[in-house]
Amino acid sequence: MEAKSILRDVRMSPRKGRLVADMIRGKQVEEALAILRFTPKKAARLLTKALQAAVANAADTQNVDPDRLYVKTTYVDGGTTWKRFTPRAHGRATPIRKRTSHFTVIVDERG
């Protein structure tokens, strides 16, 4: 049985989060946590929280042994974008897009 965890409106662009999410897809949970522990990116810390929450959801709702779980899918979608403006020369303004992300981690029991 699958278990899912979603972190919403993380203040990070989806492109940066996808770099880390691609590293743990398909791995065993222990191996994925080890990879994330030694990855020096902000997305690694956030994906660790999401992965631990998904494992806790699986252990709590389906009574699954956490040692048999693997990361079935993980993806990072774009969230809402904050729009700001910065002043430029001659009275102009340039838009600034502050992007947010939704981190989704799905774990499943290895067959």
PDB file of N, CA and C in Angstrom:
ATOM      1  N   MET A   1       0.839  -1.190   0.000  1.00  0.00           N
ATOM      2  CA  MET A   1       0.000   0.000   0.000  1.00  0.00           C
ATOM      3  C   MET A   1       0.880   1.249   0.000  1.00  0.00           C
ATOM      4  N   GLU A   2       0.428   2.225  -0.733  1.00  0.00           N
ATOM      5  CA  GLU A   2       1.179   3.469  -0.835  1.00  0.00           C
ATOM      6  C   GLU A   2       0.894   4.384   0.347  1.00  0.00           C
ATOM      7  N   ALA A   3       1.854   5.224   0.647  1.00  0.00           N
ATOM      8  CA  ALA A   3       1.676   6.296   1.619  1.00  0.00           C
ATOM      9  C   ALA A   3       2.290   7.548   1.017  1.00  0.00           C
ATOM     10  N   LYS A   4       1.648   8.673   1.266  1.00  0.00           N
ATOM     11  CA  LYS A   4       2.028   9.911   0.601  1.00  0.00           C
ATOM     12  C   LYS A   4       2.265  11.016   1.629  1.00  0.00           C
ATOM     13  N   SER A   5       3.144  11.930   1.269  1.00  0.00           N
ATOM     14  CA  SER A   5       3.390  13.119   2.059  1.00  0.00           C
ATOM     15  C   SER A   5       3.603  14.295   1.113  1.00  0.00           C
ATOM     16  N   ILE A   6       2.999  15.438   1.430  1.00  0.00           N
ATOM     17  CA  ILE A   6       3.102  16.618   0.576  1.00  0.00           C
ATOM     18  C   ILE A   6       3.516  17.819   1.433  1.00  0.00           C
ATOM     19  N   LEU A   7       4.552  18.503   0.996  1.00  0.00           N
ATOM     20  CA  LEU A   7       4.931  19.802   1.576  1.00  0.00           C
ATOM     21  C   LEU A   7       4.489  20.874   0.595  1.00  0.00           C
ATOM     22  N   ARG A   8       3.657  21.778   1.029  1.00  0.00           N
ATOM     23  CA  ARG A   8       3.105  22.774   0.125  1.00  0.00           C
ATOM     24  C   ARG A   8       3.710  24.156   0.368  1.00  0.00           C
ATOM     25  N   ASP A   9       3.791  24.919  -0.708  1.00  0.00           N
ATOM     26  CA  ASP A   9       4.227  26.321  -0.677  1.00  0.00           C
ATOM     27  C   ASP A   9       5.596  26.494  -0.021  1.00  0.00           C
ATOM     28  N   VAL A  10       6.540  25.650  -0.435  1.00  0.00           N
ATOM     29  CA  VAL A  10       7.920  25.768   0.013  1.00  0.00           C
ATOM     30  C   VAL A  10       8.554  26.917  -0.751  1.00  0.00           C
ATOM     31  N   ARG A  11       9.260  27.788  -0.081  1.00  0.00           N
ATOM     32  CA  ARG A  11       9.824  28.988  -0.694  1.00  0.00           C
ATOM     33  C   ARG A  11      11.125  28.644  -1.419  1.00  0.00           C
ATOM     34  N   MET A  12      10.978  27.917  -2.545  1.00  0.00           N
ATOM     35  CA  MET A  12      12.103  27.509  -3.370  1.00  0.00           C
ATOM     36  C   MET A  12      11.575  27.261  -4.778  1.00  0.00           C
ATOM     37  N   SER A  13      12.394  27.552  -5.767  1.00  0.00           N
ATOM     38  CA  SER A  13      11.943  27.313  -7.133  1.00  0.00           C
ATOM     39  C   SER A  13      11.887  25.809  -7.408  1.00  0.00           C
ATOM     40  N   PRO A  14      10.924  25.368  -8.214  1.00  0.00           N
ATOM     41  CA  PRO A  14      10.798  23.932  -8.489  1.00  0.00           C
ATOM     42  C   PRO A  14      12.023  23.341  -9.175  1.00  0.00           C
ATOM     43  N   ARG A  15      12.703  24.124  -9.967  1.00  0.00           N
ATOM     44  CA  ARG A  15      13.869  23.617 -10.688  1.00  0.00           C
ATOM     45  C   ARG A  15      14.972  23.172  -9.723  1.00  0.00           C
ATOM     46  N   LYS A  16      15.170  23.934  -8.648  1.00  0.00           N
ATOM     47  CA  LYS A  16      16.182  23.564  -7.661  1.00  0.00           C
ATOM     48  C   LYS A  16      15.769  22.325  -6.877  1.00  0.00           C
ATOM     49  N   GLY A  17      14.482  22.204  -6.596  1.00  0.00           N
ATOM     50  CA  GLY A  17      14.005  21.042  -5.859  1.00  0.00           C
ATOM     51  C   GLY A  17      14.056  19.767  -6.666  1.00  0.00           C
ATOM     52  N   ARG A  18      13.834  19.863  -7.971  1.00  0.00           N
ATOM     53  CA  ARG A  18      13.832  18.672  -8.825  1.00  0.00           C
ATOM     54  C   ARG A  18      15.216  18.044  -8.923  1.00  0.00           C
ATOM     55  N   LEU A  19      16.276  18.846  -8.800  1.00  0.00           N
ATOM     56  CA  LEU A  19      17.633  18.299  -8.844  1.00  0.00           C
ATOM     57  C   LEU A  19      17.845  17.272  -7.740  1.00  0.00           C
ATOM     58  N   VAL A  20      17.310  17.558  -6.556  1.00  0.00           N
ATOM     59  CA  VAL A  20      17.484  16.653  -5.429  1.00  0.00           C
ATOM     60  C   VAL A  20      16.460  15.526  -5.476  1.00  0.00           C
ATOM     61  N   ALA A  21      15.241  15.827  -5.908  1.00  0.00           N
ATOM     62  CA  ALA A  21      14.192  14.804  -5.949  1.00  0.00           C
ATOM     63  C   ALA A  21      14.553  13.686  -6.916  1.00  0.00           C
ATOM     64  N   ASP A  22      15.252  14.007  -7.990  1.00  0.00           N
ATOM     65  CA  ASP A  22      15.637  12.990  -8.967  1.00  0.00           C
ATOM     66  C   ASP A  22      16.667  12.001  -8.403  1.00  0.00           C
ATOM     67  N   MET A  23      17.416  12.411  -7.384  1.00  0.00           N
ATOM     68  CA  MET A  23      18.459  11.556  -6.839  1.00  0.00           C
ATOM     69  C   MET A  23      17.904  10.411  -5.998  1.00  0.00           C
ATOM     70  N   ILE A  24      16.698  10.573  -5.417  1.00  0.00           N
ATOM     71  CA  ILE A  24      16.206   9.549  -4.483  1.00  0.00           C
ATOM     72  C   ILE A  24      15.082   8.702  -5.062  1.00  0.00           C
ATOM     73  N   ARG A  25      14.620   9.013  -6.248  1.00  0.00           N
ATOM     74  CA  ARG A  25      13.511   8.259  -6.837  1.00  0.00           C
ATOM     75  C   ARG A  25      13.906   6.813  -7.085  1.00  0.00           C
ATOM     76  N   GLY A  26      13.093   5.866  -6.566  1.00  0.00           N
ATOM     77  CA  GLY A  26      13.341   4.446  -6.764  1.00  0.00           C
ATOM     78  C   GLY A  26      14.271   3.797  -5.756  1.00  0.00           C
ATOM     79  N   LYS A  27      14.815   4.541  -4.815  1.00  0.00           N
ATOM     80  CA  LYS A  27      15.760   4.009  -3.844  1.00  0.00           C
ATOM     81  C   LYS A  27      15.024   3.486  -2.606  1.00  0.00           C
ATOM     82  N   GLN A  28      15.702   2.601  -1.847  1.00  0.00           N
ATOM     83  CA  GLN A  28      15.189   2.189  -0.547  1.00  0.00           C
ATOM     84  C   GLN A  28      15.187   3.409   0.380  1.00  0.00           C
ATOM     85  N   VAL A  29      14.332   3.397   1.398  1.00  0.00           N
ATOM     86  CA  VAL A  29      14.175   4.560   2.262  1.00  0.00           C
ATOM     87  C   VAL A  29      15.480   4.881   2.999  1.00  0.00           C
ATOM     88  N   GLU A  30      16.165   3.845   3.513  1.00  0.00           N
ATOM     89  CA  GLU A  30      17.411   4.098   4.243  1.00  0.00           C
ATOM     90  C   GLU A  30      18.473   4.710   3.334  1.00  0.00           C
ATOM     91  N   GLU A  31      18.552   4.193   2.105  1.00  0.00           N
ATOM     92  CA  GLU A  31      19.529   4.722   1.147  1.00  0.00           C
ATOM     93  C   GLU A  31      19.172   6.152   0.750  1.00  0.00           C
ATOM     94  N   ALA A  32      17.885   6.432   0.565  1.00  0.00           N
ATOM     95  CA  ALA A  32      17.451   7.777   0.198  1.00  0.00           C
ATOM     96  C   ALA A  32      17.746   8.766   1.322  1.00  0.00           C
ATOM     97  N   LEU A  33      17.515   8.358   2.568  1.00  0.00           N
ATOM     98  CA  LEU A  33      17.818   9.244   3.698  1.00  0.00           C
ATOM     99  C   LEU A  33      19.319   9.506   3.808  1.00  0.00           C
ATOM    100  N   ALA A  34      20.142   8.501   3.502  1.00  0.00           N
ATOM    101  CA  ALA A  34      21.596   8.695   3.534  1.00  0.00           C
ATOM    102  C   ALA A  34      22.035   9.663   2.440  1.00  0.00           C
ATOM    103  N   ILE A  35      21.443   9.543   1.258  1.00  0.00           N
ATOM    104  CA  ILE A  35      21.773  10.464   0.172  1.00  0.00           C
ATOM    105  C   ILE A  35      21.395  11.888   0.546  1.00  0.00           C
ATOM    106  N   LEU A  36      20.202  12.040   1.110  1.00  0.00           N
ATOM    107  CA  LEU A  36      19.747  13.383   1.476  1.00  0.00           C
ATOM    108  C   LEU A  36      20.564  13.977   2.617  1.00  0.00           C
ATOM    109  N   ARG A  37      21.032  13.135   3.534  1.00  0.00           N
ATOM    110  CA  ARG A  37      21.805  13.635   4.673  1.00  0.00           C
ATOM    111  C   ARG A  37      23.111  14.282   4.221  1.00  0.00           C
ATOM    112  N   PHE A  38      23.707  13.752   3.136  1.00  0.00           N
ATOM    113  CA  PHE A  38      24.997  14.263   2.690  1.00  0.00           C
ATOM    114  C   PHE A  38      24.898  15.138   1.442  1.00  0.00           C
ATOM    115  N   THR A  39      23.705  15.592   1.101  1.00  0.00           N
ATOM    116  CA  THR A  39      23.522  16.505  -0.018  1.00  0.00           C
ATOM    117  C   THR A  39      23.428  17.923   0.525  1.00  0.00           C
ATOM    118  N   PRO A  40      24.335  18.809   0.167  1.00  0.00           N
ATOM    119  CA  PRO A  40      24.366  20.151   0.765  1.00  0.00           C
ATOM    120  C   PRO A  40      23.426  21.141   0.074  1.00  0.00           C
ATOM    121  N   LYS A  41      22.148  20.821   0.023  1.00  0.00           N
ATOM    122  CA  LYS A  41      21.175  21.728  -0.586  1.00  0.00           C
ATOM    123  C   LYS A  41      19.981  21.870   0.340  1.00  0.00           C
ATOM    124  N   LYS A  42      19.303  22.996   0.235  1.00  0.00           N
ATOM    125  CA  LYS A  42      18.122  23.241   1.056  1.00  0.00           C
ATOM    126  C   LYS A  42      17.018  22.234   0.733  1.00  0.00           C
ATOM    127  N   ALA A  43      16.891  21.858  -0.527  1.00  0.00           N
ATOM    128  CA  ALA A  43      15.860  20.904  -0.931  1.00  0.00           C
ATOM    129  C   ALA A  43      16.075  19.549  -0.270  1.00  0.00           C
ATOM    130  N   ALA A  44      17.308  19.175   0.028  1.00  0.00           N
ATOM    131  CA  ALA A  44      17.583  17.899   0.681  1.00  0.00           C
ATOM    132  C   ALA A  44      16.989  17.878   2.083  1.00  0.00           C
ATOM    133  N   ARG A  45      17.108  18.974   2.799  1.00  0.00           N
ATOM    134  CA  ARG A  45      16.538  19.058   4.146  1.00  0.00           C
ATOM    135  C   ARG A  45      15.015  18.965   4.098  1.00  0.00           C
ATOM    136  N   LEU A  46      14.401  19.627   3.119  1.00  0.00           N
ATOM    137  CA  LEU A  46      12.950  19.610   3.003  1.00  0.00           C
ATOM    138  C   LEU A  46      12.436  18.242   2.547  1.00  0.00           C
ATOM    139  N   LEU A  47      13.139  17.604   1.614  1.00  0.00           N
ATOM    140  CA  LEU A  47      12.729  16.273   1.173  1.00  0.00           C
ATOM    141  C   LEU A  47      12.924  15.231   2.264  1.00  0.00           C
ATOM    142  N   THR A  48      13.892  15.438   3.151  1.00  0.00           N
ATOM    143  CA  THR A  48      14.061  14.537   4.288  1.00  0.00           C
ATOM    144  C   THR A  48      12.829  14.572   5.169  1.00  0.00           C
ATOM    145  N   LYS A  49      12.326  15.774   5.441  1.00  0.00           N
ATOM    146  CA  LYS A  49      11.117  15.908   6.252  1.00  0.00           C
ATOM    147  C   LYS A  49       9.926  15.242   5.580  1.00  0.00           C
ATOM    148  N   ALA A  50       9.779  15.433   4.275  1.00  0.00           N
ATOM    149  CA  ALA A  50       8.654  14.839   3.552  1.00  0.00           C
ATOM    150  C   ALA A  50       8.770  13.317   3.520  1.00  0.00           C
ATOM    151  N   LEU A  51       9.985  12.794   3.329  1.00  0.00           N
ATOM    152  CA  LEU A  51      10.185  11.353   3.286  1.00  0.00           C
ATOM    153  C   LEU A  51       9.909  10.715   4.640  1.00  0.00           C
ATOM    154  N   GLN A  52      10.373  11.340   5.711  1.00  0.00           N
ATOM    155  CA  GLN A  52      10.106  10.814   7.043  1.00  0.00           C
ATOM    156  C   GLN A  52       8.613  10.847   7.365  1.00  0.00           C
ATOM    157  N   ALA A  53       7.912  11.866   6.897  1.00  0.00           N
ATOM    158  CA  ALA A  53       6.467  11.939   7.116  1.00  0.00           C
ATOM    159  C   ALA A  53       5.743  10.845   6.342  1.00  0.00           C
ATOM    160  N   ALA A  54       6.190  10.554   5.116  1.00  0.00           N
ATOM    161  CA  ALA A  54       5.568   9.492   4.329  1.00  0.00           C
ATOM    162  C   ALA A  54       5.804   8.129   4.965  1.00  0.00           C
ATOM    163  N   VAL A  55       6.986   7.905   5.501  1.00  0.00           N
ATOM    164  CA  VAL A  55       7.286   6.644   6.179  1.00  0.00           C
ATOM    165  C   VAL A  55       6.426   6.508   7.438  1.00  0.00           C
ATOM    166  N   ALA A  56       6.273   7.591   8.179  1.00  0.00           N
ATOM    167  CA  ALA A  56       5.431   7.564   9.371  1.00  0.00           C
ATOM    168  C   ALA A  56       3.969   7.311   9.000  1.00  0.00           C
ATOM    169  N   ASN A  57       3.515   7.894   7.891  1.00  0.00           N
ATOM    170  CA  ASN A  57       2.149   7.643   7.434  1.00  0.00           C
ATOM    171  C   ASN A  57       1.957   6.171   7.072  1.00  0.00           C
ATOM    172  N   ALA A  58       2.938   5.583   6.410  1.00  0.00           N
ATOM    173  CA  ALA A  58       2.830   4.176   6.026  1.00  0.00           C
ATOM    174  C   ALA A  58       2.829   3.272   7.246  1.00  0.00           C
ATOM    175  N   ALA A  59       3.695   3.560   8.202  1.00  0.00           N
ATOM    176  CA  ALA A  59       3.772   2.726   9.395  1.00  0.00           C
ATOM    177  C   ALA A  59       2.512   2.858  10.246  1.00  0.00           C
ATOM    178  N   ASP A  60       1.917   4.035  10.259  1.00  0.00           N
ATOM    179  CA  ASP A  60       0.755   4.285  11.104  1.00  0.00           C
ATOM    180  C   ASP A  60      -0.534   3.758  10.490  1.00  0.00           C
ATOM    181  N   THR A  61      -0.745   3.996   9.201  1.00  0.00           N
ATOM    182  CA  THR A  61      -2.031   3.658   8.608  1.00  0.00           C
ATOM    183  C   THR A  61      -2.099   2.235   8.075  1.00  0.00           C
ATOM    184  N   GLN A  62      -0.994   1.702   7.510  1.00  0.00           N
ATOM    185  CA  GLN A  62      -1.035   0.368   6.916  1.00  0.00           C
ATOM    186  C   GLN A  62      -0.282  -0.696   7.716  1.00  0.00           C
ATOM    187  N   ASN A  63       0.322  -0.326   8.831  1.00  0.00           N
ATOM    188  CA  ASN A  63       1.100  -1.265   9.650  1.00  0.00           C
ATOM    189  C   ASN A  63       2.162  -1.981   8.818  1.00  0.00           C
ATOM    190  N   VAL A  64       2.947  -1.210   8.086  1.00  0.00           N
ATOM    191  CA  VAL A  64       3.998  -1.733   7.215  1.00  0.00           C
ATOM    192  C   VAL A  64       5.331  -1.616   7.936  1.00  0.00           C
ATOM    193  N   ASP A  65       6.201  -2.576   7.697  1.00  0.00           N
ATOM    194  CA  ASP A  65       7.555  -2.506   8.238  1.00  0.00           C
ATOM    195  C   ASP A  65       8.328  -1.420   7.489  1.00  0.00           C
ATOM    196  N   PRO A  66       8.836  -0.402   8.172  1.00  0.00           N
ATOM    197  CA  PRO A  66       9.538   0.697   7.476  1.00  0.00           C
ATOM    198  C   PRO A  66      10.798   0.259   6.741  1.00  0.00           C
ATOM    199  N   ASP A  67      11.369  -0.905   7.101  1.00  0.00           N
ATOM    200  CA  ASP A  67      12.584  -1.373   6.426  1.00  0.00           C
ATOM    201  C   ASP A  67      12.301  -1.893   5.017  1.00  0.00           C
ATOM    202  N   ARG A  68      11.050  -2.203   4.698  1.00  0.00           N
ATOM    203  CA  ARG A  68      10.706  -2.752   3.383  1.00  0.00           C
ATOM    204  C   ARG A  68      10.205  -1.676   2.422  1.00  0.00           C
ATOM    205  N   LEU A  69      10.223  -0.423   2.834  1.00  0.00           N
ATOM    206  CA  LEU A  69       9.686   0.657   2.002  1.00  0.00           C
ATOM    207  C   LEU A  69      10.742   1.187   1.038  1.00  0.00           C
ATOM    208  N   TYR A  70      10.261   1.658  -0.102  1.00  0.00           N
ATOM    209  CA  TYR A  70      11.122   2.354  -1.058  1.00  0.00           C
ATOM    210  C   TYR A  70      10.381   3.575  -1.588  1.00  0.00           C
ATOM    211  N   VAL A  71      11.118   4.503  -2.163  1.00  0.00           N
ATOM    212  CA  VAL A  71      10.543   5.735  -2.703  1.00  0.00           C
ATOM    213  C   VAL A  71       9.976   5.409  -4.080  1.00  0.00           C
ATOM    214  N   LYS A  72       8.667   5.294  -4.155  1.00  0.00           N
ATOM    215  CA  LYS A  72       8.035   4.925  -5.422  1.00  0.00           C
ATOM    216  C   LYS A  72       8.103   6.087  -6.400  1.00  0.00           C
ATOM    217  N   THR A  73       7.633   7.242  -5.981  1.00  0.00           N
ATOM    218  CA  THR A  73       7.729   8.445  -6.811  1.00  0.00           C
ATOM    219  C   THR A  73       8.000   9.638  -5.919  1.00  0.00           C
ATOM    220  N   THR A  74       8.662  10.594  -6.480  1.00  0.00           N
ATOM    221  CA  THR A  74       8.847  11.883  -5.842  1.00  0.00           C
ATOM    222  C   THR A  74       8.897  12.932  -6.938  1.00  0.00           C
ATOM    223  N   TYR A  75       8.178  14.005  -6.734  1.00  0.00           N
ATOM    224  CA  TYR A  75       8.178  15.070  -7.726  1.00  0.00           C
ATOM    225  C   TYR A  75       7.975  16.414  -7.055  1.00  0.00           C
ATOM    226  N   VAL A  76       8.374  17.445  -7.771  1.00  0.00           N
ATOM    227  CA  VAL A  76       8.291  18.814  -7.283  1.00  0.00           C
ATOM    228  C   VAL A  76       7.503  19.616  -8.306  1.00  0.00           C
ATOM    229  N   ASP A  77       6.358  20.117  -7.898  1.00  0.00           N
ATOM    230  CA  ASP A  77       5.515  20.931  -8.762  1.00  0.00           C
ATOM    231  C   ASP A  77       5.637  22.392  -8.374  1.00  0.00           C
ATOM    232  N   GLY A  78       5.312  23.258  -9.300  1.00  0.00           N
ATOM    233  CA  GLY A  78       5.333  24.681  -9.023  1.00  0.00           C
ATOM    234  C   GLY A  78       4.120  25.107  -8.206  1.00  0.00           C
ATOM    235  N   GLY A  79       4.357  25.969  -7.262  1.00  0.00           N
ATOM    236  CA  GLY A  79       3.274  26.524  -6.460  1.00  0.00           C
ATOM    237  C   GLY A  79       2.943  27.928  -6.938  1.00  0.00           C
ATOM    238  N   THR A  80       2.362  28.705  -6.056  1.00  0.00           N
ATOM    239  CA  THR A  80       2.038  30.080  -6.411  1.00  0.00           C
ATOM    240  C   THR A  80       3.318  30.894  -6.526  1.00  0.00           C
ATOM    241  N   THR A  81       3.297  31.893  -7.355  1.00  0.00           N
ATOM    242  CA  THR A  81       4.453  32.760  -7.562  1.00  0.00           C
ATOM    243  C   THR A  81       4.146  34.134  -7.000  1.00  0.00           C
ATOM    244  N   TRP A  82       5.006  34.602  -6.107  1.00  0.00           N
ATOM    245  CA  TRP A  82       4.848  35.951  -5.571  1.00  0.00           C
ATOM    246  C   TRP A  82       5.417  36.919  -6.581  1.00  0.00           C
ATOM    247  N   LYS A  83       4.656  37.953  -6.906  1.00  0.00           N
ATOM    248  CA  LYS A  83       5.105  38.928  -7.895  1.00  0.00           C
ATOM    249  C   LYS A  83       5.479  40.228  -7.188  1.00  0.00           C
ATOM    250  N   ARG A  84       6.710  40.655  -7.419  1.00  0.00           N
ATOM    251  CA  ARG A  84       7.231  41.884  -6.831  1.00  0.00           C
ATOM    252  C   ARG A  84       7.868  42.700  -7.946  1.00  0.00           C
ATOM    253  N   PHE A  85       8.170  43.951  -7.649  1.00  0.00           N
ATOM    254  CA  PHE A  85       8.824  44.814  -8.625  1.00  0.00           C
ATOM    255  C   PHE A  85       9.986  45.519  -7.962  1.00  0.00           C
ATOM    256  N   THR A  86      11.038  45.746  -8.750  1.00  0.00           N
ATOM    257  CA  THR A  86      12.186  46.493  -8.268  1.00  0.00           C
ATOM    258  C   THR A  86      12.376  47.719  -9.162  1.00  0.00           C
ATOM    259  N   PRO A  87      12.698  48.858  -8.578  1.00  0.00           N
ATOM    260  CA  PRO A  87      12.867  50.064  -9.390  1.00  0.00           C
ATOM    261  C   PRO A  87      14.130  50.001 -10.247  1.00  0.00           C
ATOM    262  N   ARG A  88      14.027  50.571 -11.445  1.00  0.00           N
ATOM    263  CA  ARG A  88      15.150  50.642 -12.362  1.00  0.00           C
ATOM    264  C   ARG A  88      15.329  52.082 -12.817  1.00  0.00           C
ATOM    265  N   ALA A  89      16.238  52.289 -13.717  1.00  0.00           N
ATOM    266  CA  ALA A  89      16.566  53.639 -14.169  1.00  0.00           C
ATOM    267  C   ALA A  89      15.404  54.248 -14.955  1.00  0.00           C
ATOM    268  N   HIS A  90      15.327  55.563 -14.958  1.00  0.00           N
ATOM    269  CA  HIS A  90      14.354  56.339 -15.725  1.00  0.00           C
ATOM    270  C   HIS A  90      12.914  56.034 -15.330  1.00  0.00           C
ATOM    271  N   GLY A  91      12.697  55.701 -14.058  1.00  0.00           N
ATOM    272  CA  GLY A  91      11.335  55.495 -13.578  1.00  0.00           C
ATOM    273  C   GLY A  91      10.704  54.182 -13.974  1.00  0.00           C
ATOM    274  N   ARG A  92      11.475  53.278 -14.496  1.00  0.00           N
ATOM    275  CA  ARG A  92      10.924  51.982 -14.888  1.00  0.00           C
ATOM    276  C   ARG A  92      10.921  51.016 -13.702  1.00  0.00           C
ATOM    277  N   ALA A  93      10.263  49.890 -13.901  1.00  0.00           N
ATOM    278  CA  ALA A  93      10.249  48.832 -12.890  1.00  0.00           C
ATOM    279  C   ALA A  93      10.455  47.495 -13.590  1.00  0.00           C
ATOM    280  N   THR A  94      11.151  46.603 -12.918  1.00  0.00           N
ATOM    281  CA  THR A  94      11.401  45.270 -13.444  1.00  0.00           C
ATOM    282  C   THR A  94      10.723  44.257 -12.537  1.00  0.00           C
ATOM    283  N   PRO A  95       9.989  43.309 -13.109  1.00  0.00           N
ATOM    284  CA  PRO A  95       9.318  42.319 -12.254  1.00  0.00           C
ATOM    285  C   PRO A  95      10.293  41.322 -11.643  1.00  0.00           C
ATOM    286  N   ILE A  96       9.979  40.885 -10.428  1.00  0.00           N
ATOM    287  CA  ILE A  96      10.702  39.824  -9.735  1.00  0.00           C
ATOM    288  C   ILE A  96       9.684  38.743  -9.431  1.00  0.00           C
ATOM    289  N   ARG A  97       9.990  37.506  -9.811  1.00  0.00           N
ATOM    290  CA  ARG A  97       9.092  36.389  -9.529  1.00  0.00           C
ATOM    291  C   ARG A  97       9.722  35.522  -8.448  1.00  0.00           C
ATOM    292  N   LYS A  98       9.075  35.480  -7.282  1.00  0.00           N
ATOM    293  CA  LYS A  98       9.539  34.643  -6.178  1.00  0.00           C
ATOM    294  C   LYS A  98       8.727  33.355  -6.214  1.00  0.00           C
ATOM    295  N   ARG A  99       9.367  32.290  -6.657  1.00  0.00           N
ATOM    296  CA  ARG A  99       8.643  31.048  -6.909  1.00  0.00           C
ATOM    297  C   ARG A  99       8.526  30.196  -5.647  1.00  0.00           C
ATOM    298  N   THR A 100       7.455  29.394  -5.605  1.00  0.00           N
ATOM    299  CA  THR A 100       7.260  28.427  -4.534  1.00  0.00           C
ATOM    300  C   THR A 100       7.042  27.055  -5.155  1.00  0.00           C
ATOM    301  N   SER A 101       7.117  26.018  -4.321  1.00  0.00           N
ATOM    302  CA  SER A 101       7.042  24.643  -4.802  1.00  0.00           C
ATOM    303  C   SER A 101       6.162  23.797  -3.901  1.00  0.00           C
ATOM    304  N   HIS A 102       5.706  22.683  -4.460  1.00  0.00           N
ATOM    305  CA  HIS A 102       5.019  21.644  -3.708  1.00  0.00           C
ATOM    306  C   HIS A 102       5.854  20.368  -3.850  1.00  0.00           C
ATOM    307  N   PHE A 103       6.353  19.831  -2.729  1.00  0.00           N
ATOM    308  CA  PHE A 103       7.137  18.602  -2.732  1.00  0.00           C
ATOM    309  C   PHE A 103       6.210  17.434  -2.405  1.00  0.00           C
ATOM    310  N   THR A 104       6.207  16.405  -3.241  1.00  0.00           N
ATOM    311  CA  THR A 104       5.384  15.217  -3.029  1.00  0.00           C
ATOM    312  C   THR A 104       6.288  13.982  -3.003  1.00  0.00           C
ATOM    313  N   VAL A 105       6.123  13.152  -1.960  1.00  0.00           N
ATOM    314  CA  VAL A 105       6.876  11.919  -1.834  1.00  0.00           C
ATOM    315  C   VAL A 105       5.879  10.780  -1.603  1.00  0.00           C
ATOM    316  N   ILE A 106       5.978   9.720  -2.418  1.00  0.00           N
ATOM    317  CA  ILE A 106       5.131   8.546  -2.268  1.00  0.00           C
ATOM    318  C   ILE A 106       6.033   7.342  -2.038  1.00  0.00           C
ATOM    319  N   VAL A 107       5.781   6.632  -0.930  1.00  0.00           N
ATOM    320  CA  VAL A 107       6.541   5.422  -0.628  1.00  0.00           C
ATOM    321  C   VAL A 107       5.619   4.220  -0.750  1.00  0.00           C
ATOM    322  N   ASP A 108       6.210   3.068  -1.052  1.00  0.00           N
ATOM    323  CA  ASP A 108       5.442   1.837  -1.216  1.00  0.00           C
ATOM    324  C   ASP A 108       6.280   0.684  -0.678  1.00  0.00           C
ATOM    325  N   GLU A 109       5.617  -0.431  -0.439  1.00  0.00           N
ATOM    326  CA  GLU A 109       6.302  -1.608   0.073  1.00  0.00           C
ATOM    327  C   GLU A 109       6.871  -2.408  -1.091  1.00  0.00           C
ATOM    328  N   ARG A 110       8.107  -2.816  -0.957  1.00  0.00           N
ATOM    329  CA  ARG A 110       8.757  -3.586  -2.018  1.00  0.00           C
ATOM    330  C   ARG A 110       8.166  -4.988  -2.010  1.00  0.00           C
ATOM    331  N   GLY A 111       7.707  -5.426  -3.179  1.00  0.00           N
ATOM    332  CA  GLY A 111       7.000  -6.546  -3.389  1.00  0.00           C
ATOM    333  C   GLY A 111       7.105  -7.917  -3.069  1.00  0.00           C
TER     334      GLY A 111
END
